[in-house]
Amino acid sequence: MSTLFSKIIEGTIPSFKIAEDENFYAFLDVYPLREGHTLVIPKAETDQFFNLDDQYLSGMLLFAKPIAKAIEACFPCNRCGISVIGLEVPHAHMHLLPVNSSNDLNFTQHRSKASDETLRKVQEKIKNQLLNM
């Protein structure tokens, strides 16, 4: 059975895509903790992050690296934080967020759905930064 994330990759469910290659897909979280909150997922359906084989896991981090750098350049923050929780959707994924404190990665905080207009602006900002790197 396809996961929510597989449907996003297939285009069945729309997303605000940041980047894609043959193995990975990155898109904005529509319920962001912070502006710029991006999800990075493998195209292969694997429930648990650390069940990815070593080559695929390292490839995922390398795919995420320029996205993290773009997030740092686009939004005021000390760094781009990374979080792997994996409880929300049974498909391995990592969260990339601009952070200034560890509380910025607190997923128990209330998360409101961002408007499409806001998400388009954030998407454009990050994608333009990626093009200029």
C-alpha atoms as a PDB file:
ATOM      1  CA  MET A   1       0.000   0.000   0.000  1.00  0.00           C
ATOM      2  CA  SER A   2       1.334   3.429  -0.932  1.00  0.00           C
ATOM      3  CA  THR A   3       2.176   5.784   1.893  1.00  0.00           C
ATOM      4  CA  LEU A   4       1.160   9.433   1.956  1.00  0.00           C
ATOM      5  CA  PHE A   5       4.728  10.306   0.976  1.00  0.00           C
ATOM      6  CA  SER A   6       4.715   7.876  -1.966  1.00  0.00           C
ATOM      7  CA  LYS A   7       1.560   9.599  -3.208  1.00  0.00           C
ATOM      8  CA  ILE A   8       3.359  12.949  -2.930  1.00  0.00           C
ATOM      9  CA  ILE A   9       6.294  11.592  -4.945  1.00  0.00           C
ATOM     10  CA  GLU A  10       3.884  10.225  -7.587  1.00  0.00           C
ATOM     11  CA  GLY A  11       2.106  13.599  -7.772  1.00  0.00           C
ATOM     12  CA  THR A  12      -1.227  12.132  -6.649  1.00  0.00           C
ATOM     13  CA  ILE A  13      -1.078  14.494  -3.671  1.00  0.00           C
ATOM     14  CA  PRO A  14       0.303  17.976  -4.448  1.00  0.00           C
ATOM     15  CA  SER A  15       3.391  19.284  -2.677  1.00  0.00           C
ATOM     16  CA  PHE A  16       5.687  22.275  -2.614  1.00  0.00           C
ATOM     17  CA  LYS A  17       8.734  20.524  -4.046  1.00  0.00           C
ATOM     18  CA  ILE A  18      12.166  21.866  -3.188  1.00  0.00           C
ATOM     19  CA  ALA A  19      14.376  19.277  -4.915  1.00  0.00           C
ATOM     20  CA  GLU A  20      14.286  15.811  -6.423  1.00  0.00           C
ATOM     21  CA  ASP A  21      16.652  13.252  -7.888  1.00  0.00           C
ATOM     22  CA  GLU A  22      16.327   9.582  -8.827  1.00  0.00           C
ATOM     23  CA  ASN A  23      16.395   8.460  -5.162  1.00  0.00           C
ATOM     24  CA  PHE A  24      15.096  11.317  -3.006  1.00  0.00           C
ATOM     25  CA  TYR A  25      12.434  13.999  -2.828  1.00  0.00           C
ATOM     26  CA  ALA A  26      12.346  17.160  -0.688  1.00  0.00           C
ATOM     27  CA  PHE A  27       9.255  19.266  -0.073  1.00  0.00           C
ATOM     28  CA  LEU A  28       7.870  21.782   2.393  1.00  0.00           C
ATOM     29  CA  ASP A  29       5.952  20.592   5.430  1.00  0.00           C
ATOM     30  CA  VAL A  30       2.454  22.087   5.143  1.00  0.00           C
ATOM     31  CA  TYR A  31       2.282  22.153   8.966  1.00  0.00           C
ATOM     32  CA  PRO A  32       5.659  23.778   9.584  1.00  0.00           C
ATOM     33  CA  LEU A  33       7.260  24.282  12.961  1.00  0.00           C
ATOM     34  CA  ARG A  34       9.267  27.138  11.440  1.00  0.00           C
ATOM     35  CA  GLU A  35       9.268  28.910   8.096  1.00  0.00           C
ATOM     36  CA  GLY A  36      11.436  26.801   5.796  1.00  0.00           C
ATOM     37  CA  HIS A  37      10.548  23.454   7.430  1.00  0.00           C
ATOM     38  CA  THR A  38      11.408  20.894   4.752  1.00  0.00           C
ATOM     39  CA  LEU A  39      10.952  17.128   4.619  1.00  0.00           C
ATOM     40  CA  VAL A  40      13.475  14.895   2.848  1.00  0.00           C
ATOM     41  CA  ILE A  41      12.294  11.410   1.931  1.00  0.00           C
ATOM     42  CA  PRO A  42      13.628   8.414   0.048  1.00  0.00           C
ATOM     43  CA  LYS A  43      11.602   7.381  -2.971  1.00  0.00           C
ATOM     44  CA  ALA A  44      11.840   3.778  -1.805  1.00  0.00           C
ATOM     45  CA  GLU A  45       9.141   2.933   0.723  1.00  0.00           C
ATOM     46  CA  THR A  46      10.958   2.104   3.936  1.00  0.00           C
ATOM     47  CA  ASP A  47       9.218   2.595   7.248  1.00  0.00           C
ATOM     48  CA  GLN A  48      12.216   3.161   9.518  1.00  0.00           C
ATOM     49  CA  PHE A  49      15.018   5.594   8.744  1.00  0.00           C
ATOM     50  CA  PHE A  50      17.804   3.354  10.009  1.00  0.00           C
ATOM     51  CA  ASN A  51      16.532   0.404   7.974  1.00  0.00           C
ATOM     52  CA  LEU A  52      17.837   2.179   4.865  1.00  0.00           C
ATOM     53  CA  ASP A  53      20.998   0.538   3.585  1.00  0.00           C
ATOM     54  CA  ASP A  54      24.230   2.409   4.285  1.00  0.00           C
ATOM     55  CA  GLN A  55      24.722   3.704   0.753  1.00  0.00           C
ATOM     56  CA  TYR A  56      21.148   4.978   0.528  1.00  0.00           C
ATOM     57  CA  LEU A  57      21.314   6.542   3.999  1.00  0.00           C
ATOM     58  CA  SER A  58      24.545   8.385   3.235  1.00  0.00           C
ATOM     59  CA  GLY A  59      23.101   9.455  -0.127  1.00  0.00           C
ATOM     60  CA  MET A  60      20.099  10.932   1.639  1.00  0.00           C
ATOM     61  CA  LEU A  61      22.330  13.083   3.838  1.00  0.00           C
ATOM     62  CA  LEU A  62      24.334  14.240   0.823  1.00  0.00           C
ATOM     63  CA  PHE A  63      21.100  15.094  -1.002  1.00  0.00           C
ATOM     64  CA  ALA A  64      19.911  17.095   2.041  1.00  0.00           C
ATOM     65  CA  LYS A  65      23.164  19.029   2.531  1.00  0.00           C
ATOM     66  CA  PRO A  66      22.645  21.789  -0.096  1.00  0.00           C
ATOM     67  CA  ILE A  67      19.010  22.122   0.972  1.00  0.00           C
ATOM     68  CA  ALA A  68      20.124  22.645   4.581  1.00  0.00           C
ATOM     69  CA  LYS A  69      22.657  25.262   3.438  1.00  0.00           C
ATOM     70  CA  ALA A  70      19.935  27.022   1.429  1.00  0.00           C
ATOM     71  CA  ILE A  71      17.612  27.042   4.449  1.00  0.00           C
ATOM     72  CA  GLU A  72      20.404  28.575   6.565  1.00  0.00           C
ATOM     73  CA  ALA A  73      20.929  31.278   3.943  1.00  0.00           C
ATOM     74  CA  CYS A  74      17.220  32.076   3.572  1.00  0.00           C
ATOM     75  CA  PHE A  75      16.024  32.287   7.161  1.00  0.00           C
ATOM     76  CA  PRO A  76      17.514  33.923  10.265  1.00  0.00           C
ATOM     77  CA  CYS A  77      18.902  31.064  12.322  1.00  0.00           C
ATOM     78  CA  ASN A  78      22.001  29.716  14.038  1.00  0.00           C
ATOM     79  CA  ARG A  79      21.896  26.591  11.850  1.00  0.00           C
ATOM     80  CA  CYS A  80      19.693  24.168  10.017  1.00  0.00           C
ATOM     81  CA  GLY A  81      18.609  21.496  12.471  1.00  0.00           C
ATOM     82  CA  ILE A  82      17.739  17.945  11.564  1.00  0.00           C
ATOM     83  CA  SER A  83      15.207  15.696  13.229  1.00  0.00           C
ATOM     84  CA  VAL A  84      14.302  12.090  12.562  1.00  0.00           C
ATOM     85  CA  ILE A  85      11.229  10.988  14.451  1.00  0.00           C
ATOM     86  CA  GLY A  86       9.356   8.846  11.973  1.00  0.00           C
ATOM     87  CA  LEU A  87       6.090   8.399  13.846  1.00  0.00           C
ATOM     88  CA  GLU A  88       3.842  10.615  11.741  1.00  0.00           C
ATOM     89  CA  VAL A  89       4.027   8.672   8.454  1.00  0.00           C
ATOM     90  CA  PRO A  90       5.286   5.092   8.041  1.00  0.00           C
ATOM     91  CA  HIS A  91       7.846   6.193   5.441  1.00  0.00           C
ATOM     92  CA  ALA A  92      11.424   7.122   6.412  1.00  0.00           C
ATOM     93  CA  HIS A  93      11.923  10.882   6.483  1.00  0.00           C
ATOM     94  CA  MET A  94      13.969  13.663   7.995  1.00  0.00           C
ATOM     95  CA  HIS A  95      12.952  17.176   8.927  1.00  0.00           C
ATOM     96  CA  LEU A  96      15.220  20.133   8.103  1.00  0.00           C
ATOM     97  CA  LEU A  97      14.420  23.330  10.016  1.00  0.00           C
ATOM     98  CA  PRO A  98      16.071  26.677  10.683  1.00  0.00           C
ATOM     99  CA  VAL A  99      16.779  26.683  14.420  1.00  0.00           C
ATOM    100  CA  ASN A 100      18.036  29.040  17.089  1.00  0.00           C
ATOM    101  CA  SER A 101      17.372  26.798  20.084  1.00  0.00           C
ATOM    102  CA  SER A 102      16.529  23.171  20.780  1.00  0.00           C
ATOM    103  CA  ASN A 103      12.919  24.230  21.405  1.00  0.00           C
ATOM    104  CA  ASP A 104      12.658  25.016  17.684  1.00  0.00           C
ATOM    105  CA  LEU A 105      12.705  21.223  17.146  1.00  0.00           C
ATOM    106  CA  ASN A 106       9.940  20.562  19.682  1.00  0.00           C
ATOM    107  CA  PHE A 107       7.312  18.640  17.719  1.00  0.00           C
ATOM    108  CA  THR A 108       4.827  18.777  20.594  1.00  0.00           C
ATOM    109  CA  GLN A 109       4.227  22.466  19.791  1.00  0.00           C
ATOM    110  CA  HIS A 110       1.028  23.450  18.013  1.00  0.00           C
ATOM    111  CA  ARG A 111       1.516  23.465  14.241  1.00  0.00           C
ATOM    112  CA  SER A 112      -0.863  25.424  12.034  1.00  0.00           C
ATOM    113  CA  LYS A 113      -1.371  24.684   8.369  1.00  0.00           C
ATOM    114  CA  ALA A 114       0.472  27.242   6.274  1.00  0.00           C
ATOM    115  CA  SER A 115      -1.358  28.944   3.425  1.00  0.00           C
ATOM    116  CA  ASP A 116      -0.521  27.968  -0.135  1.00  0.00           C
ATOM    117  CA  GLU A 117       0.641  31.532  -0.762  1.00  0.00           C
ATOM    118  CA  THR A 118       3.072  31.393   2.167  1.00  0.00           C
ATOM    119  CA  LEU A 119       4.359  27.981   1.104  1.00  0.00           C
ATOM    120  CA  ARG A 120       4.873  29.165  -2.505  1.00  0.00           C
ATOM    121  CA  LYS A 121       6.929  32.128  -1.268  1.00  0.00           C
ATOM    122  CA  VAL A 122       9.082  29.899   0.952  1.00  0.00           C
ATOM    123  CA  GLN A 123       9.472  27.374  -1.871  1.00  0.00           C
ATOM    124  CA  GLU A 124      10.596  30.074  -4.302  1.00  0.00           C
ATOM    125  CA  LYS A 125      13.042  31.508  -1.766  1.00  0.00           C
ATOM    126  CA  ILE A 126      14.743  28.153  -1.072  1.00  0.00           C
ATOM    127  CA  LYS A 127      14.773  27.044  -4.726  1.00  0.00           C
ATOM    128  CA  ASN A 128      16.301  30.362  -5.830  1.00  0.00           C
ATOM    129  CA  GLN A 129      18.981  29.997  -3.168  1.00  0.00           C
ATOM    130  CA  LEU A 130      19.751  26.473  -4.394  1.00  0.00           C
ATOM    131  CA  LEU A 131      20.153  27.793  -7.952  1.00  0.00           C
ATOM    132  CA  ASN A 132      22.575  30.485  -6.764  1.00  0.00           C
ATOM    133  CA  MET A 133      24.808  28.168  -4.734  1.00  0.00           C
END
